[in-house]
Amino acid sequence: MSSAALPAPAARQRFRRVLLTWYRAHGRDLPWRMTDDPYHILVSEIMLQQTQVDRVLPKYHEWLGKYPSLSALADAPIDDVTETWRPLGYNIRPRRLHTIAQEAVSRFGGHLPSDEATLLSFKGIGAYTAGAIRSFAFRQRAAILDTNVARVLFRVFIGKGDIKAHAMRKHLWAVSAALVPRKHVFDFNQALMDFGAMVCTARKPACQGCPMAKMCRSYPMDVAGAKRKRTR
C-alpha cells in the first residue's frame, strides 16, 4: 500500500473485528463512557488533552459536581473556573470550556449541537473534539484522530514516514474516516483510544501478543519505536 492509499475493504473489516474483540475483553471502565450527555463528554475530552486518565478522574467528578451543566459553567466567574481546574495544568483549557459554555447558552439554549460544522464554529472545539462529541454523545459515524489513534493507524496501515507531517496527518484522518463502522461507532472509537494507550504505546508497545501483529506494517517495534527486521 502506498502512503496515499486507504486500507482495502477487507483490511478495514478485519481491523474493526480484531479491535472490537480486543476492546470487549480489555476496554477501560471510565465514567465518561457511561453517559451520552454532550457536555460531560466535552469536559472529559478537554481534560484528557495532554493529561493522563488517572489525573483526570477525580477532577472530572469534582468539575461536574460544581458545574453540572453548560449553563452553570457559563454563569460561574472565570476565576472560580480556573481555580477549580487546578492542578491539571494547561490553564487555557478551563477558559476554553467557559467560553464554549457561554456560547452554547447564548446561541443554543445551553446545549451543544450535533452537526460537525456548527461544533467546529465554537472557539476551542477542533476536528478531534467535534468527532468525539458526535460519535460518543450522538452516536454519529464520525472519525477521531488524537495522538494515540494516529500512532495506531500509522503503525498498522502505513509504517514509514513522518507521522507529524501535515500531509501524513491529513491522510491519517482519511484512514480513520474510512475505518469507522456503520454500527458500534461509540465502541470502535473508544477502542482505538484504549488500544493506543494500553497496547500500541509510544515508547514500549506490547508487540508480543498484539492482536494486530499479523496485519501491522510496523511489527515488531523495539522500545524506542524503531522498526526491526521482520522474523515471520
Protein backbone atom coordinates (compact mmCIF):
# COMPACT_ATOMS: atom_id res chain seq x y z
CA MET A 1 0.00 0.00 0.00
CA SER A 2 1.35 3.44 -0.88
CA SER A 3 1.19 6.19 1.70
CA ALA A 4 -1.69 7.76 -0.28
CA ALA A 5 -3.83 4.61 -0.42
CA LEU A 6 -6.63 3.82 2.00
CA PRO A 7 -6.95 0.35 3.52
CA ALA A 8 -8.80 -2.11 1.29
CA PRO A 9 -12.34 -3.02 2.40
CA ALA A 10 -11.23 -6.47 3.60
CA ALA A 11 -8.45 -4.92 5.70
CA ARG A 12 -10.88 -2.42 7.21
CA GLN A 13 -13.29 -5.18 8.17
CA ARG A 14 -10.54 -7.28 9.71
CA PHE A 15 -9.17 -4.33 11.69
CA ARG A 16 -12.63 -3.48 13.05
CA ARG A 17 -13.32 -7.06 14.06
CA VAL A 18 -9.99 -7.55 15.83
CA LEU A 19 -10.13 -4.17 17.57
CA LEU A 20 -13.69 -4.58 18.84
CA THR A 21 -12.97 -8.10 20.06
CA TRP A 22 -9.96 -6.81 22.00
CA TYR A 23 -11.93 -3.87 23.42
CA ARG A 24 -14.77 -6.02 24.70
CA ALA A 25 -12.24 -8.01 26.70
CA HIS A 26 -9.86 -5.24 27.78
CA GLY A 27 -11.54 -1.82 27.44
CA ARG A 28 -11.27 0.52 30.43
CA ASP A 29 -14.26 1.25 32.67
CA LEU A 30 -14.36 5.05 32.60
CA PRO A 31 -17.19 7.32 33.84
CA TRP A 32 -17.50 9.34 30.62
CA ARG A 33 -18.30 6.09 28.82
CA MET A 34 -21.43 5.75 30.93
CA THR A 35 -23.11 8.88 29.59
CA ASP A 36 -24.30 10.35 26.33
CA ASP A 37 -24.50 13.88 27.73
CA PRO A 38 -22.59 16.05 25.21
CA TYR A 39 -21.42 18.42 27.95
CA HIS A 40 -20.00 15.62 30.09
CA ILE A 41 -18.20 14.22 27.07
CA LEU A 42 -16.86 17.66 26.17
CA VAL A 43 -15.48 18.08 29.69
CA SER A 44 -13.76 14.70 29.59
CA GLU A 45 -12.23 15.33 26.17
CA ILE A 46 -10.85 18.75 27.12
CA MET A 47 -9.48 17.39 30.39
CA LEU A 48 -7.82 14.44 28.68
CA GLN A 49 -5.83 16.64 26.32
CA GLN A 50 -2.17 16.00 27.24
CA THR A 51 -3.23 14.61 30.63
CA GLN A 52 -3.25 11.04 31.95
CA VAL A 53 -6.57 9.35 32.77
CA ASP A 54 -5.71 8.77 36.43
CA ARG A 55 -5.20 12.51 36.94
CA VAL A 56 -8.45 13.37 35.16
CA LEU A 57 -10.77 11.00 37.03
CA PRO A 58 -11.07 12.89 40.36
CA LYS A 59 -11.19 16.29 38.66
CA TYR A 60 -13.90 15.13 36.23
CA HIS A 61 -16.21 14.24 39.12
CA GLU A 62 -15.38 17.41 41.05
CA TRP A 63 -15.96 19.60 38.00
CA LEU A 64 -19.36 18.13 37.17
CA GLY A 65 -20.38 18.32 40.81
CA LYS A 66 -19.65 22.06 40.79
CA TYR A 67 -20.72 22.82 37.21
CA PRO A 68 -23.37 20.21 36.33
CA SER A 69 -24.44 21.89 33.10
CA LEU A 70 -23.23 24.28 30.44
CA SER A 71 -25.49 26.94 31.93
CA ALA A 72 -23.94 26.50 35.37
CA LEU A 73 -20.47 26.77 33.92
CA ALA A 74 -21.38 29.82 31.84
CA ASP A 75 -22.67 31.62 34.93
CA ALA A 76 -19.58 30.87 37.03
CA PRO A 77 -16.88 33.56 37.48
CA ILE A 78 -13.86 32.76 35.36
CA ASP A 79 -11.53 32.99 38.37
CA ASP A 80 -13.54 30.25 40.11
CA VAL A 81 -13.45 28.14 36.96
CA THR A 82 -9.67 28.34 36.61
CA GLU A 83 -9.21 27.66 40.32
CA THR A 84 -11.41 24.56 40.13
CA TRP A 85 -9.34 23.30 37.24
CA ARG A 86 -6.12 23.14 39.25
CA PRO A 87 -3.83 21.18 39.30
CA LEU A 88 -4.49 19.77 35.81
CA GLY A 89 -2.33 22.42 34.12
CA TYR A 90 -2.57 23.86 30.61
CA ASN A 91 -4.81 26.55 32.05
CA ILE A 92 -6.08 27.74 28.70
CA ARG A 93 -8.36 24.69 28.76
CA PRO A 94 -10.77 25.82 31.51
CA ARG A 95 -11.04 29.18 29.79
CA ARG A 96 -11.93 27.42 26.56
CA LEU A 97 -14.60 25.38 28.34
CA HIS A 98 -16.01 28.54 29.90
CA THR A 99 -16.15 30.29 26.51
CA ILE A 100 -17.81 27.27 24.89
CA ALA A 101 -20.40 27.19 27.69
CA GLN A 102 -21.22 30.86 27.28
CA GLU A 103 -21.55 30.47 23.53
CA ALA A 104 -23.76 27.40 23.92
CA VAL A 105 -26.05 29.33 26.25
CA SER A 106 -26.25 32.40 24.03
CA ARG A 107 -26.68 30.54 20.73
CA PHE A 108 -28.25 27.16 21.56
CA GLY A 109 -30.12 27.45 24.85
CA GLY A 110 -27.38 25.78 26.87
CA HIS A 111 -26.95 22.73 24.63
CA LEU A 112 -24.27 21.56 22.25
CA PRO A 113 -25.36 20.97 18.64
CA SER A 114 -24.82 17.64 16.91
CA ASP A 115 -23.65 18.71 13.46
CA GLU A 116 -19.97 18.99 12.61
CA ALA A 117 -19.98 22.44 11.03
CA THR A 118 -21.68 24.09 14.00
CA LEU A 119 -19.47 22.33 16.53
CA LEU A 120 -16.39 23.50 14.64
CA SER A 121 -17.68 27.07 14.78
CA PHE A 122 -17.06 27.11 18.54
CA LYS A 123 -13.71 28.53 19.53
CA GLY A 124 -11.95 25.70 21.35
CA ILE A 125 -13.62 22.81 19.52
CA GLY A 126 -11.40 21.33 16.84
CA ALA A 127 -11.82 18.40 14.49
CA TYR A 128 -10.95 15.74 17.07
CA THR A 129 -13.25 17.12 19.80
CA ALA A 130 -16.09 17.56 17.31
CA GLY A 131 -15.68 13.94 16.18
CA ALA A 132 -15.62 12.73 19.78
CA ILE A 133 -18.82 14.61 20.68
CA ARG A 134 -20.60 13.40 17.56
CA SER A 135 -19.62 9.75 17.97
CA PHE A 136 -19.81 9.46 21.76
CA ALA A 137 -22.78 11.71 22.56
CA PHE A 138 -24.86 11.48 19.39
CA ARG A 139 -23.67 8.06 18.11
CA GLN A 140 -22.94 9.50 14.69
CA ARG A 141 -20.49 7.92 12.26
CA ALA A 142 -17.65 10.35 12.90
CA ALA A 143 -13.89 9.90 12.76
CA ILE A 144 -11.45 10.87 15.50
CA LEU A 145 -7.68 11.38 15.42
CA ASP A 146 -5.74 12.13 18.58
CA THR A 147 -2.13 11.19 19.34
CA ASN A 148 -2.95 7.61 20.34
CA VAL A 149 -5.22 6.98 17.37
CA ALA A 150 -2.74 8.48 14.89
CA ARG A 151 0.02 6.25 16.23
CA VAL A 152 -2.07 3.08 15.92
CA LEU A 153 -3.24 3.84 12.38
CA PHE A 154 0.22 4.89 11.25
CA ARG A 155 1.88 1.75 12.57
CA VAL A 156 -0.75 -0.70 11.38
CA PHE A 157 -1.51 0.68 7.92
CA ILE A 158 1.49 2.82 6.88
CA GLY A 159 4.67 2.04 8.78
CA LYS A 160 7.01 4.57 7.17
CA GLY A 161 7.12 8.37 7.04
CA ASP A 162 6.79 11.34 9.35
CA ILE A 163 3.66 10.95 11.45
CA LYS A 164 3.76 14.66 12.37
CA ALA A 165 3.91 15.94 8.78
CA HIS A 166 0.85 17.83 7.56
CA ALA A 167 0.23 15.55 4.57
CA MET A 168 0.53 12.47 6.77
CA ARG A 169 -1.92 13.81 9.34
CA LYS A 170 -4.38 14.58 6.57
CA HIS A 171 -4.01 11.05 5.25
CA LEU A 172 -4.45 9.56 8.73
CA TRP A 173 -7.71 11.49 9.09
CA ALA A 174 -8.85 9.86 5.84
CA VAL A 175 -7.81 6.43 7.13
CA SER A 176 -9.70 7.00 10.37
CA ALA A 177 -12.82 8.07 8.46
CA ALA A 178 -12.61 5.02 6.20
CA LEU A 179 -12.39 2.67 9.17
CA VAL A 180 -15.35 3.99 11.16
CA PRO A 181 -18.04 1.27 11.07
CA ARG A 182 -21.70 1.91 10.44
CA LYS A 183 -22.57 0.22 13.74
CA HIS A 184 -20.82 0.27 17.12
CA VAL A 185 -19.22 3.65 16.40
CA PHE A 186 -19.01 4.50 20.10
CA ASP A 187 -17.18 1.28 20.97
CA PHE A 188 -14.92 1.46 17.92
CA ASN A 189 -13.63 4.97 18.61
CA GLN A 190 -13.21 4.26 22.32
CA ALA A 191 -11.36 1.08 21.39
CA LEU A 192 -8.96 2.99 19.14
CA MET A 193 -8.00 5.28 22.00
CA ASP A 194 -7.64 2.45 24.51
CA PHE A 195 -5.55 0.36 22.15
CA GLY A 196 -3.13 3.24 21.65
CA ALA A 197 -2.97 3.94 25.37
CA MET A 198 -2.66 0.34 26.54
CA VAL A 199 -1.05 -1.77 23.78
CA CYS A 200 0.34 0.32 20.91
CA THR A 201 2.05 2.78 23.21
CA ALA A 202 4.62 5.34 22.17
CA ARG A 203 7.71 4.04 23.96
CA LYS A 204 7.10 0.41 24.85
CA PRO A 205 4.47 -1.08 22.55
CA ALA A 206 3.33 -4.55 23.58
CA CYS A 207 4.08 -6.13 20.21
CA GLN A 208 4.41 -9.65 21.57
CA GLY A 209 0.88 -10.97 21.77
CA CYS A 210 -0.60 -7.95 20.00
CA PRO A 211 -3.80 -8.94 18.17
CA MET A 212 -2.85 -6.64 15.28
CA ALA A 213 0.57 -8.27 14.73
CA LYS A 214 -0.33 -10.15 11.55
CA MET A 215 -1.64 -7.05 9.81
CA CYS A 216 0.72 -4.41 11.26
CA ARG A 217 3.21 -2.84 8.86
CA SER A 218 5.46 -1.83 11.75
CA TYR A 219 5.61 -5.16 13.58
CA PRO A 220 7.72 -5.73 15.59
CA MET A 221 8.79 -2.45 17.20
CA ASP A 222 11.70 -2.00 19.59
CA VAL A 223 11.28 0.02 22.79
CA ALA A 224 12.39 3.21 21.04
CA GLY A 225 9.69 2.81 18.41
CA ALA A 226 12.11 1.88 15.63
CA LYS A 227 11.18 -0.84 13.19
CA ARG A 228 13.15 -4.10 13.45
CA LYS A 229 13.63 -6.72 10.77
CA ARG A 230 10.62 -8.97 10.45
CA THR A 231 11.10 -12.53 11.68
CA ARG A 232 7.89 -14.04 10.44
